[in-house]
């Protein structure tokens, strides 16, 4: 259903004057729901009293059932009356200069200055994550959230790789913060990719392992990746061919070889991850790799290695004598 703005009635006009907009959307069950956006923060208590719920990832208030404009306008009017006629609803900026400053007053400035003055890698993980959250979550202490994220996911890399749905479980983490964390991870992967793929792969093997670890170690599900090389061992393509479950991903030798022929590749590096943390290959991993190697050998395509990536390290088929 196309979004329809409702501003033709007095209640909608009243909301518009308050900087609020209601849009009707189709819900998953075929019913309608209403998304309210705009300057909602001063009216959050009234919006909750009117039956709304805050959707952290979409950054809108959601109302279900009948059109909510009248109920919202009435709740805002009642809330204003309770606060006192002619008074603005309290906000941090309207409380005067004599307030006791929070314990974290000036902390953001000090942390930024310390970060800029020190060498890269100086800050502990929780402070680096806290610093990132500054740019998406204004005017609150983000240190507790940074520590909670690290406690839940186990490492900074795992936080950056976390699914938006899991990040949404944290009440204080909003959509801009989720976007920022995802963008930081993407930027890091692109930097790692450039380090690896701008020169012959076999001269930058450690960089390849670092890149594969960053790209795959923290994924919640298994995925199967193929790096295709030309005669000079330069990367033609780096592709995720299959995604699976927490403990299995399908890999089809015929599809791997077909793709290699399509690209004109003369060599391959295979990689997949073990979300369990144990990088040791399973019997199924070994059998599948042998099938791919046999098919590749028949066409003169070299299989350099198959690397299993996990949070605890990696395992190389070549180093283990399995190729």
C-alpha atoms as a PDB file:
ATOM      1  CA  UNK A   1       0.000   0.000   0.000  1.00  0.00           C
ATOM      2  CA  UNK A   2       1.383   3.387  -0.893  1.00  0.00           C
ATOM      3  CA  UNK A   3       2.014   5.770   1.973  1.00  0.00           C
ATOM      4  CA  UNK A   4      -0.828   8.299   2.437  1.00  0.00           C
ATOM      5  CA  UNK A   5      -0.352  11.502   4.380  1.00  0.00           C
ATOM      6  CA  UNK A   6      -3.359  12.647   6.420  1.00  0.00           C
ATOM      7  CA  UNK A   7      -3.310  16.407   6.991  1.00  0.00           C
ATOM      8  CA  UNK A   8      -6.815  17.449   5.880  1.00  0.00           C
ATOM      9  CA  UNK A   9      -8.476  17.405   9.336  1.00  0.00           C
ATOM     10  CA  UNK A  10      -8.033  19.742  12.328  1.00  0.00           C
ATOM     11  CA  UNK A  11      -6.249  17.115  14.433  1.00  0.00           C
ATOM     12  CA  UNK A  12      -3.693  16.473  11.692  1.00  0.00           C
ATOM     13  CA  UNK A  13      -3.242  20.214  11.260  1.00  0.00           C
ATOM     14  CA  UNK A  14      -2.633  20.540  15.003  1.00  0.00           C
ATOM     15  CA  UNK A  15      -0.002  17.809  14.846  1.00  0.00           C
ATOM     16  CA  UNK A  16       1.639  19.484  11.862  1.00  0.00           C
ATOM     17  CA  UNK A  17       1.942  22.710  13.876  1.00  0.00           C
ATOM     18  CA  UNK A  18       3.749  20.681  16.553  1.00  0.00           C
ATOM     19  CA  UNK A  19       6.185  19.372  13.921  1.00  0.00           C
ATOM     20  CA  UNK A  20       4.612  15.911  13.755  1.00  0.00           C
ATOM     21  CA  UNK A  21       3.591  13.903  10.698  1.00  0.00           C
ATOM     22  CA  UNK A  22       1.406  10.784  10.545  1.00  0.00           C
ATOM     23  CA  UNK A  23       1.730   8.382   7.607  1.00  0.00           C
ATOM     24  CA  UNK A  24      -0.455   5.342   7.046  1.00  0.00           C
ATOM     25  CA  UNK A  25       1.427   2.155   6.150  1.00  0.00           C
ATOM     26  CA  UNK A  26       0.398  -1.385   5.326  1.00  0.00           C
ATOM     27  CA  UNK A  27       1.234  -3.836   8.111  1.00  0.00           C
ATOM     28  CA  UNK A  28       2.300  -7.425   7.477  1.00  0.00           C
ATOM     29  CA  UNK A  29      -1.142  -8.847   8.282  1.00  0.00           C
ATOM     30  CA  UNK A  30      -2.886  -6.713   5.649  1.00  0.00           C
ATOM     31  CA  UNK A  31      -4.095  -4.192   8.236  1.00  0.00           C
ATOM     32  CA  UNK A  32      -2.937  -0.596   8.440  1.00  0.00           C
ATOM     33  CA  UNK A  33      -0.624   0.932  10.973  1.00  0.00           C
ATOM     34  CA  UNK A  34       0.347   4.554  11.414  1.00  0.00           C
ATOM     35  CA  UNK A  35       3.888   5.915  11.676  1.00  0.00           C
ATOM     36  CA  UNK A  36       4.428   9.232  13.436  1.00  0.00           C
ATOM     37  CA  UNK A  37       7.689  11.106  12.928  1.00  0.00           C
ATOM     38  CA  UNK A  38       9.099  14.576  13.434  1.00  0.00           C
ATOM     39  CA  UNK A  39       9.804  16.414  16.687  1.00  0.00           C
ATOM     40  CA  UNK A  40       8.553  13.544  18.832  1.00  0.00           C
ATOM     41  CA  UNK A  41      10.957  13.643  21.770  1.00  0.00           C
ATOM     42  CA  UNK A  42       9.204  16.418  23.769  1.00  0.00           C
ATOM     43  CA  UNK A  43       5.906  14.538  23.403  1.00  0.00           C
ATOM     44  CA  UNK A  44       7.119  10.999  24.079  1.00  0.00           C
ATOM     45  CA  UNK A  45       5.082  10.543  27.283  1.00  0.00           C
ATOM     46  CA  UNK A  46       1.923  11.779  25.562  1.00  0.00           C
ATOM     47  CA  UNK A  47       2.529   9.535  22.565  1.00  0.00           C
ATOM     48  CA  UNK A  48       2.900   6.513  24.802  1.00  0.00           C
ATOM     49  CA  UNK A  49      -0.283   7.473  26.643  1.00  0.00           C
ATOM     50  CA  UNK A  50      -2.072   7.651  23.275  1.00  0.00           C
ATOM     51  CA  UNK A  51      -1.163   4.012  22.570  1.00  0.00           C
ATOM     52  CA  UNK A  52       2.000   4.461  20.552  1.00  0.00           C
ATOM     53  CA  UNK A  53       5.156   2.400  20.749  1.00  0.00           C
ATOM     54  CA  UNK A  54       8.615   3.560  19.731  1.00  0.00           C
ATOM     55  CA  UNK A  55      10.244   1.568  16.916  1.00  0.00           C
ATOM     56  CA  UNK A  56      13.976   1.928  17.566  1.00  0.00           C
ATOM     57  CA  UNK A  57      15.221   0.822  14.161  1.00  0.00           C
ATOM     58  CA  UNK A  58      12.706   2.774  12.067  1.00  0.00           C
ATOM     59  CA  UNK A  59      12.922   5.780  14.391  1.00  0.00           C
ATOM     60  CA  UNK A  60       9.141   6.339  14.343  1.00  0.00           C
ATOM     61  CA  UNK A  61       6.218   5.957  16.735  1.00  0.00           C
ATOM     62  CA  UNK A  62       3.870   3.184  15.603  1.00  0.00           C
ATOM     63  CA  UNK A  63       0.110   3.206  16.222  1.00  0.00           C
ATOM     64  CA  UNK A  64      -2.193   0.329  15.364  1.00  0.00           C
ATOM     65  CA  UNK A  65      -5.937   0.216  14.800  1.00  0.00           C
ATOM     66  CA  UNK A  66      -7.966   3.336  14.071  1.00  0.00           C
ATOM     67  CA  UNK A  67      -6.364   6.548  12.756  1.00  0.00           C
ATOM     68  CA  UNK A  68      -4.595   7.989  15.828  1.00  0.00           C
ATOM     69  CA  UNK A  69      -4.548  11.725  15.057  1.00  0.00           C
ATOM     70  CA  UNK A  70      -7.377  12.653  17.441  1.00  0.00           C
ATOM     71  CA  UNK A  71      -6.007  10.560  20.305  1.00  0.00           C
ATOM     72  CA  UNK A  72      -2.505  11.972  19.812  1.00  0.00           C
ATOM     73  CA  UNK A  73      -3.706  15.582  19.680  1.00  0.00           C
ATOM     74  CA  UNK A  74      -5.815  15.056  22.815  1.00  0.00           C
ATOM     75  CA  UNK A  75      -2.968  13.378  24.720  1.00  0.00           C
ATOM     76  CA  UNK A  76      -0.525  16.167  23.817  1.00  0.00           C
ATOM     77  CA  UNK A  77      -3.036  18.819  24.915  1.00  0.00           C
ATOM     78  CA  UNK A  78      -3.640  17.020  28.222  1.00  0.00           C
ATOM     79  CA  UNK A  79       0.084  16.610  28.787  1.00  0.00           C
ATOM     80  CA  UNK A  80       0.683  20.310  28.164  1.00  0.00           C
ATOM     81  CA  UNK A  81      -2.112  21.210  30.561  1.00  0.00           C
ATOM     82  CA  UNK A  82      -0.622  18.988  33.239  1.00  0.00           C
ATOM     83  CA  UNK A  83       2.759  20.652  32.710  1.00  0.00           C
ATOM     84  CA  UNK A  84       1.217  24.120  33.134  1.00  0.00           C
ATOM     85  CA  UNK A  85      -0.476  26.467  30.663  1.00  0.00           C
ATOM     86  CA  UNK A  86       1.968  28.351  28.535  1.00  0.00           C
ATOM     87  CA  UNK A  87       4.944  26.246  29.673  1.00  0.00           C
ATOM     88  CA  UNK A  88       7.021  24.148  27.319  1.00  0.00           C
ATOM     89  CA  UNK A  89       7.303  20.504  28.119  1.00  0.00           C
ATOM     90  CA  UNK A  90      10.516  20.113  30.065  1.00  0.00           C
ATOM     91  CA  UNK A  91      13.644  19.480  28.053  1.00  0.00           C
ATOM     92  CA  UNK A  92      17.294  19.428  29.079  1.00  0.00           C
ATOM     93  CA  UNK A  93      17.882  22.799  27.409  1.00  0.00           C
ATOM     94  CA  UNK A  94      15.042  24.499  29.317  1.00  0.00           C
ATOM     95  CA  UNK A  95      16.027  23.715  32.873  1.00  0.00           C
ATOM     96  CA  UNK A  96      18.308  26.673  33.430  1.00  0.00           C
ATOM     97  CA  UNK A  97      21.979  27.015  34.134  1.00  0.00           C
ATOM     98  CA  UNK A  98      21.896  26.099  37.824  1.00  0.00           C
ATOM     99  CA  UNK A  99      21.351  22.412  37.295  1.00  0.00           C
ATOM    100  CA  UNK A 100      23.883  20.011  38.717  1.00  0.00           C
ATOM    101  CA  UNK A 101      25.960  18.842  35.772  1.00  0.00           C
ATOM    102  CA  UNK A 102      25.947  15.072  35.074  1.00  0.00           C
ATOM    103  CA  UNK A 103      28.999  13.061  36.081  1.00  0.00           C
ATOM    104  CA  UNK A 104      29.977  12.635  32.429  1.00  0.00           C
ATOM    105  CA  UNK A 105      29.967  16.377  31.698  1.00  0.00           C
ATOM    106  CA  UNK A 106      32.949  17.160  29.447  1.00  0.00           C
ATOM    107  CA  UNK A 107      33.794  13.478  29.031  1.00  0.00           C
ATOM    108  CA  UNK A 108      33.146  13.431  25.287  1.00  0.00           C
ATOM    109  CA  UNK A 109      35.506  16.328  24.691  1.00  0.00           C
ATOM    110  CA  UNK A 110      38.217  14.748  26.833  1.00  0.00           C
ATOM    111  CA  UNK A 111      37.908  11.366  25.101  1.00  0.00           C
ATOM    112  CA  UNK A 112      38.040  12.957  21.649  1.00  0.00           C
ATOM    113  CA  UNK A 113      41.150  14.921  22.611  1.00  0.00           C
ATOM    114  CA  UNK A 114      42.821  11.811  24.042  1.00  0.00           C
ATOM    115  CA  UNK A 115      42.022   9.824  20.907  1.00  0.00           C
ATOM    116  CA  UNK A 116      43.470  12.481  18.593  1.00  0.00           C
ATOM    117  CA  UNK A 117      46.611  12.970  20.691  1.00  0.00           C
ATOM    118  CA  UNK A 118      47.530   9.280  21.008  1.00  0.00           C
ATOM    119  CA  UNK A 119      48.714   6.684  18.511  1.00  0.00           C
ATOM    120  CA  UNK A 120      46.112   4.541  16.777  1.00  0.00           C
ATOM    121  CA  UNK A 121      45.270   1.472  18.805  1.00  0.00           C
ATOM    122  CA  UNK A 122      45.820   3.278  22.121  1.00  0.00           C
ATOM    123  CA  UNK A 123      42.219   3.278  23.365  1.00  0.00           C
ATOM    124  CA  UNK A 124      40.724   0.105  24.851  1.00  0.00           C
ATOM    125  CA  UNK A 125      37.876  -1.426  22.865  1.00  0.00           C
ATOM    126  CA  UNK A 126      35.113  -0.057  25.090  1.00  0.00           C
ATOM    127  CA  UNK A 127      36.364   3.514  24.730  1.00  0.00           C
ATOM    128  CA  UNK A 128      36.730   3.231  20.957  1.00  0.00           C
ATOM    129  CA  UNK A 129      33.177   1.890  20.738  1.00  0.00           C
ATOM    130  CA  UNK A 130      31.999   4.628  23.094  1.00  0.00           C
ATOM    131  CA  UNK A 131      33.667   7.206  20.840  1.00  0.00           C
ATOM    132  CA  UNK A 132      31.852   5.822  17.782  1.00  0.00           C
ATOM    133  CA  UNK A 133      28.517   5.948  19.578  1.00  0.00           C
ATOM    134  CA  UNK A 134      29.056   9.658  20.326  1.00  0.00           C
ATOM    135  CA  UNK A 135      28.317  10.433  16.680  1.00  0.00           C
ATOM    136  CA  UNK A 136      24.939   8.693  16.642  1.00  0.00           C
ATOM    137  CA  UNK A 137      23.571   9.059  20.185  1.00  0.00           C
ATOM    138  CA  UNK A 138      23.595  12.657  21.447  1.00  0.00           C
ATOM    139  CA  UNK A 139      23.609  14.040  24.968  1.00  0.00           C
ATOM    140  CA  UNK A 140      23.820  10.812  26.979  1.00  0.00           C
ATOM    141  CA  UNK A 141      26.600   8.777  28.538  1.00  0.00           C
ATOM    142  CA  UNK A 142      27.376   6.026  25.999  1.00  0.00           C
ATOM    143  CA  UNK A 143      29.993   4.208  28.095  1.00  0.00           C
ATOM    144  CA  UNK A 144      27.465   1.825  29.743  1.00  0.00           C
ATOM    145  CA  UNK A 145      26.028   0.946  26.321  1.00  0.00           C
ATOM    146  CA  UNK A 146      29.504   0.311  24.887  1.00  0.00           C
ATOM    147  CA  UNK A 147      30.343  -2.017  27.767  1.00  0.00           C
ATOM    148  CA  UNK A 148      26.991  -3.816  27.502  1.00  0.00           C
ATOM    149  CA  UNK A 149      27.521  -4.402  23.771  1.00  0.00           C
ATOM    150  CA  UNK A 150      30.992  -5.847  24.337  1.00  0.00           C
ATOM    151  CA  UNK A 151      29.687  -8.046  27.161  1.00  0.00           C
ATOM    152  CA  UNK A 152      26.878  -9.390  24.965  1.00  0.00           C
ATOM    153  CA  UNK A 153      28.853  -9.998  21.773  1.00  0.00           C
ATOM    154  CA  UNK A 154      32.299 -10.708  23.215  1.00  0.00           C
ATOM    155  CA  UNK A 155      34.534  -8.425  21.132  1.00  0.00           C
ATOM    156  CA  UNK A 156      34.587  -5.208  19.154  1.00  0.00           C
ATOM    157  CA  UNK A 157      34.671  -7.152  15.892  1.00  0.00           C
ATOM    158  CA  UNK A 158      31.591  -9.108  16.906  1.00  0.00           C
ATOM    159  CA  UNK A 159      29.736  -5.893  17.783  1.00  0.00           C
ATOM    160  CA  UNK A 160      30.533  -4.408  14.362  1.00  0.00           C
ATOM    161  CA  UNK A 161      29.410  -7.643  12.665  1.00  0.00           C
ATOM    162  CA  UNK A 162      26.197  -8.059  14.679  1.00  0.00           C
ATOM    163  CA  UNK A 163      22.880  -8.231  12.842  1.00  0.00           C
ATOM    164  CA  UNK A 164      20.765  -5.064  13.120  1.00  0.00           C
ATOM    165  CA  UNK A 165      17.980  -7.145  14.676  1.00  0.00           C
ATOM    166  CA  UNK A 166      20.262  -8.190  17.556  1.00  0.00           C
ATOM    167  CA  UNK A 167      21.514  -4.638  18.008  1.00  0.00           C
ATOM    168  CA  UNK A 168      17.866  -3.580  18.192  1.00  0.00           C
ATOM    169  CA  UNK A 169      17.537  -5.552  21.442  1.00  0.00           C
ATOM    170  CA  UNK A 170      19.358  -2.680  23.176  1.00  0.00           C
ATOM    171  CA  UNK A 171      16.897   0.077  24.077  1.00  0.00           C
ATOM    172  CA  UNK A 172      19.535   2.797  23.949  1.00  0.00           C
ATOM    173  CA  UNK A 173      20.909   1.862  20.521  1.00  0.00           C
ATOM    174  CA  UNK A 174      19.097   3.706  17.738  1.00  0.00           C
ATOM    175  CA  UNK A 175      19.045   3.286  13.958  1.00  0.00           C
ATOM    176  CA  UNK A 176      21.791   5.886  13.281  1.00  0.00           C
ATOM    177  CA  UNK A 177      24.079   3.969  15.662  1.00  0.00           C
ATOM    178  CA  UNK A 178      23.337   0.654  13.918  1.00  0.00           C
ATOM    179  CA  UNK A 179      24.047   2.255  10.533  1.00  0.00           C
ATOM    180  CA  UNK A 180      27.294   3.756  11.828  1.00  0.00           C
ATOM    181  CA  UNK A 181      28.569   0.440  13.219  1.00  0.00           C
ATOM    182  CA  UNK A 182      27.768  -1.323   9.950  1.00  0.00           C
ATOM    183  CA  UNK A 183      29.473   1.424   7.941  1.00  0.00           C
ATOM    184  CA  UNK A 184      32.628   1.191  10.083  1.00  0.00           C
ATOM    185  CA  UNK A 185      32.815  -2.539   9.453  1.00  0.00           C
ATOM    186  CA  UNK A 186      32.281  -2.070   5.722  1.00  0.00           C
ATOM    187  CA  UNK A 187      35.028   0.566   5.597  1.00  0.00           C
ATOM    188  CA  UNK A 188      37.403  -1.758   7.440  1.00  0.00           C
ATOM    189  CA  UNK A 189      36.683  -4.645   5.070  1.00  0.00           C
ATOM    190  CA  UNK A 190      37.286  -2.423   2.056  1.00  0.00           C
ATOM    191  CA  UNK A 191      40.613  -1.321   3.487  1.00  0.00           C
ATOM    192  CA  UNK A 192      41.585  -4.950   4.128  1.00  0.00           C
ATOM    193  CA  UNK A 193      40.471  -5.949   0.640  1.00  0.00           C
ATOM    194  CA  UNK A 194      42.661  -3.245  -0.902  1.00  0.00           C
ATOM    195  CA  UNK A 195      45.648  -4.417   1.145  1.00  0.00           C
ATOM    196  CA  UNK A 196      45.221  -7.963  -0.150  1.00  0.00           C
ATOM    197  CA  UNK A 197      44.000  -7.654  -3.700  1.00  0.00           C
ATOM    198  CA  UNK A 198      46.253  -4.968  -5.146  1.00  0.00           C
ATOM    199  CA  UNK A 199      49.240  -7.318  -5.365  1.00  0.00           C
ATOM    200  CA  UNK A 200      49.814 -11.042  -6.075  1.00  0.00           C
ATOM    201  CA  UNK A 201      47.939 -13.007  -3.455  1.00  0.00           C
ATOM    202  CA  UNK A 202      50.663 -15.466  -2.533  1.00  0.00           C
ATOM    203  CA  UNK A 203      52.964 -12.596  -1.509  1.00  0.00           C
ATOM    204  CA  UNK A 204      50.326 -11.257   0.915  1.00  0.00           C
ATOM    205  CA  UNK A 205      49.026 -14.454   2.502  1.00  0.00           C
ATOM    206  CA  UNK A 206      48.961 -13.077   6.052  1.00  0.00           C
ATOM    207  CA  UNK A 207      46.971 -10.076   4.836  1.00  0.00           C
ATOM    208  CA  UNK A 208      44.509 -12.468   3.171  1.00  0.00           C
ATOM    209  CA  UNK A 209      44.026 -14.333   6.452  1.00  0.00           C
ATOM    210  CA  UNK A 210      43.462 -11.041   8.273  1.00  0.00           C
ATOM    211  CA  UNK A 211      40.885 -10.017   5.660  1.00  0.00           C
ATOM    212  CA  UNK A 212      39.046 -13.348   5.776  1.00  0.00           C
ATOM    213  CA  UNK A 213      39.001 -13.234   9.578  1.00  0.00           C
ATOM    214  CA  UNK A 214      37.521  -9.738   9.582  1.00  0.00           C
ATOM    215  CA  UNK A 215      34.978 -10.689   6.930  1.00  0.00           C
ATOM    216  CA  UNK A 216      33.852 -14.073   8.270  1.00  0.00           C
ATOM    217  CA  UNK A 217      34.939 -14.872  11.830  1.00  0.00           C
ATOM    218  CA  UNK A 218      32.004 -13.184  13.553  1.00  0.00           C
ATOM    219  CA  UNK A 219      29.195 -14.237  11.214  1.00  0.00           C
ATOM    220  CA  UNK A 220      26.416 -16.053  13.062  1.00  0.00           C
ATOM    221  CA  UNK A 221      25.896 -18.508  10.173  1.00  0.00           C
ATOM    222  CA  UNK A 222      28.300 -20.444   7.981  1.00  0.00           C
ATOM    223  CA  UNK A 223      29.141 -19.084   4.564  1.00  0.00           C
ATOM    224  CA  UNK A 224      31.296 -20.461   1.737  1.00  0.00           C
ATOM    225  CA  UNK A 225      33.625 -18.056  -0.068  1.00  0.00           C
ATOM    226  CA  UNK A 226      35.834 -18.423  -3.147  1.00  0.00           C
ATOM    227  CA  UNK A 227      38.715 -16.154  -4.168  1.00  0.00           C
ATOM    228  CA  UNK A 228      39.401 -16.521  -7.912  1.00  0.00           C
ATOM    229  CA  UNK A 229      42.913 -15.834  -9.257  1.00  0.00           C
ATOM    230  CA  UNK A 230      44.533 -15.356 -12.676  1.00  0.00           C
ATOM    231  CA  UNK A 231      47.868 -16.735 -13.908  1.00  0.00           C
ATOM    232  CA  UNK A 232      49.782 -14.056 -11.990  1.00  0.00           C
ATOM    233  CA  UNK A 233      47.905 -14.996  -8.807  1.00  0.00           C
ATOM    234  CA  UNK A 234      46.089 -11.660  -8.875  1.00  0.00           C
ATOM    235  CA  UNK A 235      42.522 -11.597  -7.609  1.00  0.00           C
ATOM    236  CA  UNK A 236      39.822 -11.610 -10.271  1.00  0.00           C
ATOM    237  CA  UNK A 237      36.891 -11.925  -7.892  1.00  0.00           C
ATOM    238  CA  UNK A 238      36.098 -12.522  -4.226  1.00  0.00           C
ATOM    239  CA  UNK A 239      32.621 -14.017  -3.883  1.00  0.00           C
ATOM    240  CA  UNK A 240      30.413 -15.538  -1.200  1.00  0.00           C
ATOM    241  CA  UNK A 241      28.857 -18.453  -3.060  1.00  0.00           C
ATOM    242  CA  UNK A 242      26.600 -19.910  -0.386  1.00  0.00           C
ATOM    243  CA  UNK A 243      25.167 -19.000   3.012  1.00  0.00           C
ATOM    244  CA  UNK A 244      23.926 -21.670   5.392  1.00  0.00           C
ATOM    245  CA  UNK A 245      22.964 -22.281   9.012  1.00  0.00           C
ATOM    246  CA  UNK A 246      24.891 -22.076  12.266  1.00  0.00           C
ATOM    247  CA  UNK A 247      26.677 -25.367  11.552  1.00  0.00           C
ATOM    248  CA  UNK A 248      26.365 -26.112   7.831  1.00  0.00           C
ATOM    249  CA  UNK A 249      26.622 -24.422   4.471  1.00  0.00           C
ATOM    250  CA  UNK A 250      26.222 -26.185   1.122  1.00  0.00           C
ATOM    251  CA  UNK A 251      29.051 -26.048  -1.411  1.00  0.00           C
ATOM    252  CA  UNK A 252      28.652 -27.373  -4.936  1.00  0.00           C
ATOM    253  CA  UNK A 253      31.874 -28.309  -6.793  1.00  0.00           C
ATOM    254  CA  UNK A 254      30.174 -27.947 -10.170  1.00  0.00           C
ATOM    255  CA  UNK A 255      29.128 -24.357  -9.416  1.00  0.00           C
ATOM    256  CA  UNK A 256      32.634 -23.454  -8.182  1.00  0.00           C
ATOM    257  CA  UNK A 257      34.294 -24.765 -11.339  1.00  0.00           C
ATOM    258  CA  UNK A 258      31.667 -23.247 -13.634  1.00  0.00           C
ATOM    259  CA  UNK A 259      32.207 -19.843 -12.064  1.00  0.00           C
ATOM    260  CA  UNK A 260      35.991 -20.226 -12.376  1.00  0.00           C
ATOM    261  CA  UNK A 261      35.612 -20.943 -16.109  1.00  0.00           C
ATOM    262  CA  UNK A 262      33.260 -17.991 -16.550  1.00  0.00           C
ATOM    263  CA  UNK A 263      35.868 -15.692 -14.987  1.00  0.00           C
ATOM    264  CA  UNK A 264      38.845 -17.271 -16.755  1.00  0.00           C
ATOM    265  CA  UNK A 265      40.391 -18.125 -13.365  1.00  0.00           C
ATOM    266  CA  UNK A 266      43.402 -20.417 -13.209  1.00  0.00           C
ATOM    267  CA  UNK A 267      43.598 -20.793  -9.420  1.00  0.00           C
ATOM    268  CA  UNK A 268      41.316 -20.755  -6.369  1.00  0.00           C
ATOM    269  CA  UNK A 269      41.370 -20.204  -2.628  1.00  0.00           C
ATOM    270  CA  UNK A 270      38.378 -21.572  -0.746  1.00  0.00           C
ATOM    271  CA  UNK A 271      37.236 -20.308   2.649  1.00  0.00           C
ATOM    272  CA  UNK A 272      34.371 -20.914   5.003  1.00  0.00           C
ATOM    273  CA  UNK A 273      33.676 -20.058   8.637  1.00  0.00           C
ATOM    274  CA  UNK A 274      32.782 -22.051  11.745  1.00  0.00           C
ATOM    275  CA  UNK A 275      30.546 -19.953  14.041  1.00  0.00           C
ATOM    276  CA  UNK A 276      31.150 -22.488  16.826  1.00  0.00           C
ATOM    277  CA  UNK A 277      34.684 -21.121  17.264  1.00  0.00           C
ATOM    278  CA  UNK A 278      36.475 -24.394  16.437  1.00  0.00           C
ATOM    279  CA  UNK A 279      38.293 -24.039  13.092  1.00  0.00           C
ATOM    280  CA  UNK A 280      39.060 -27.729  12.641  1.00  0.00           C
ATOM    281  CA  UNK A 281      37.532 -29.052   9.380  1.00  0.00           C
ATOM    282  CA  UNK A 282      34.799 -31.648   9.528  1.00  0.00           C
ATOM    283  CA  UNK A 283      34.692 -34.851   7.496  1.00  0.00           C
ATOM    284  CA  UNK A 284      32.161 -33.162   5.233  1.00  0.00           C
ATOM    285  CA  UNK A 285      34.525 -30.204   4.718  1.00  0.00           C
ATOM    286  CA  UNK A 286      37.352 -32.578   3.750  1.00  0.00           C
ATOM    287  CA  UNK A 287      35.237 -34.619   1.322  1.00  0.00           C
ATOM    288  CA  UNK A 288      33.805 -31.521  -0.362  1.00  0.00           C
ATOM    289  CA  UNK A 289      37.271 -29.995  -0.783  1.00  0.00           C
ATOM    290  CA  UNK A 290      38.595 -33.160  -2.400  1.00  0.00           C
ATOM    291  CA  UNK A 291      35.721 -33.149  -4.882  1.00  0.00           C
ATOM    292  CA  UNK A 292      36.464 -29.551  -5.855  1.00  0.00           C
ATOM    293  CA  UNK A 293      40.184 -30.288  -6.192  1.00  0.00           C
ATOM    294  CA  UNK A 294      39.556 -33.316  -8.410  1.00  0.00           C
ATOM    295  CA  UNK A 295      37.282 -31.302 -10.699  1.00  0.00           C
ATOM    296  CA  UNK A 296      39.745 -28.395 -10.789  1.00  0.00           C
ATOM    297  CA  UNK A 297      42.720 -30.651 -11.582  1.00  0.00           C
ATOM    298  CA  UNK A 298      40.944 -32.027 -14.649  1.00  0.00           C
ATOM    299  CA  UNK A 299      40.734 -28.479 -16.071  1.00  0.00           C
ATOM    300  CA  UNK A 300      44.177 -27.296 -15.023  1.00  0.00           C
ATOM    301  CA  UNK A 301      42.853 -25.042 -12.250  1.00  0.00           C
ATOM    302  CA  UNK A 302      45.023 -24.931  -9.130  1.00  0.00           C
ATOM    303  CA  UNK A 303      43.449 -25.089  -5.680  1.00  0.00           C
ATOM    304  CA  UNK A 304      45.954 -23.261  -3.475  1.00  0.00           C
ATOM    305  CA  UNK A 305      44.203 -23.806  -0.148  1.00  0.00           C
ATOM    306  CA  UNK A 306      40.956 -24.121   1.759  1.00  0.00           C
ATOM    307  CA  UNK A 307      40.942 -22.034   4.942  1.00  0.00           C
ATOM    308  CA  UNK A 308      38.471 -22.503   7.790  1.00  0.00           C
ATOM    309  CA  UNK A 309      37.941 -19.261   9.737  1.00  0.00           C
ATOM    310  CA  UNK A 310      36.636 -18.908  13.307  1.00  0.00           C
ATOM    311  CA  UNK A 311      36.803 -16.535  16.248  1.00  0.00           C
ATOM    312  CA  UNK A 312      39.495 -18.740  17.795  1.00  0.00           C
ATOM    313  CA  UNK A 313      41.793 -18.805  14.764  1.00  0.00           C
ATOM    314  CA  UNK A 314      41.996 -20.535  11.406  1.00  0.00           C
ATOM    315  CA  UNK A 315      42.894 -23.923   9.920  1.00  0.00           C
ATOM    316  CA  UNK A 316      44.652 -24.381   6.568  1.00  0.00           C
ATOM    317  CA  UNK A 317      44.011 -27.544   4.569  1.00  0.00           C
ATOM    318  CA  UNK A 318      47.417 -27.127   2.929  1.00  0.00           C
ATOM    319  CA  UNK A 319      49.284 -26.813   6.208  1.00  0.00           C
ATOM    320  CA  UNK A 320      47.367 -29.790   7.608  1.00  0.00           C
ATOM    321  CA  UNK A 321      48.368 -31.947   4.634  1.00  0.00           C
ATOM    322  CA  UNK A 322      44.773 -32.292   3.424  1.00  0.00           C
ATOM    323  CA  UNK A 323      45.553 -30.947  -0.086  1.00  0.00           C
END
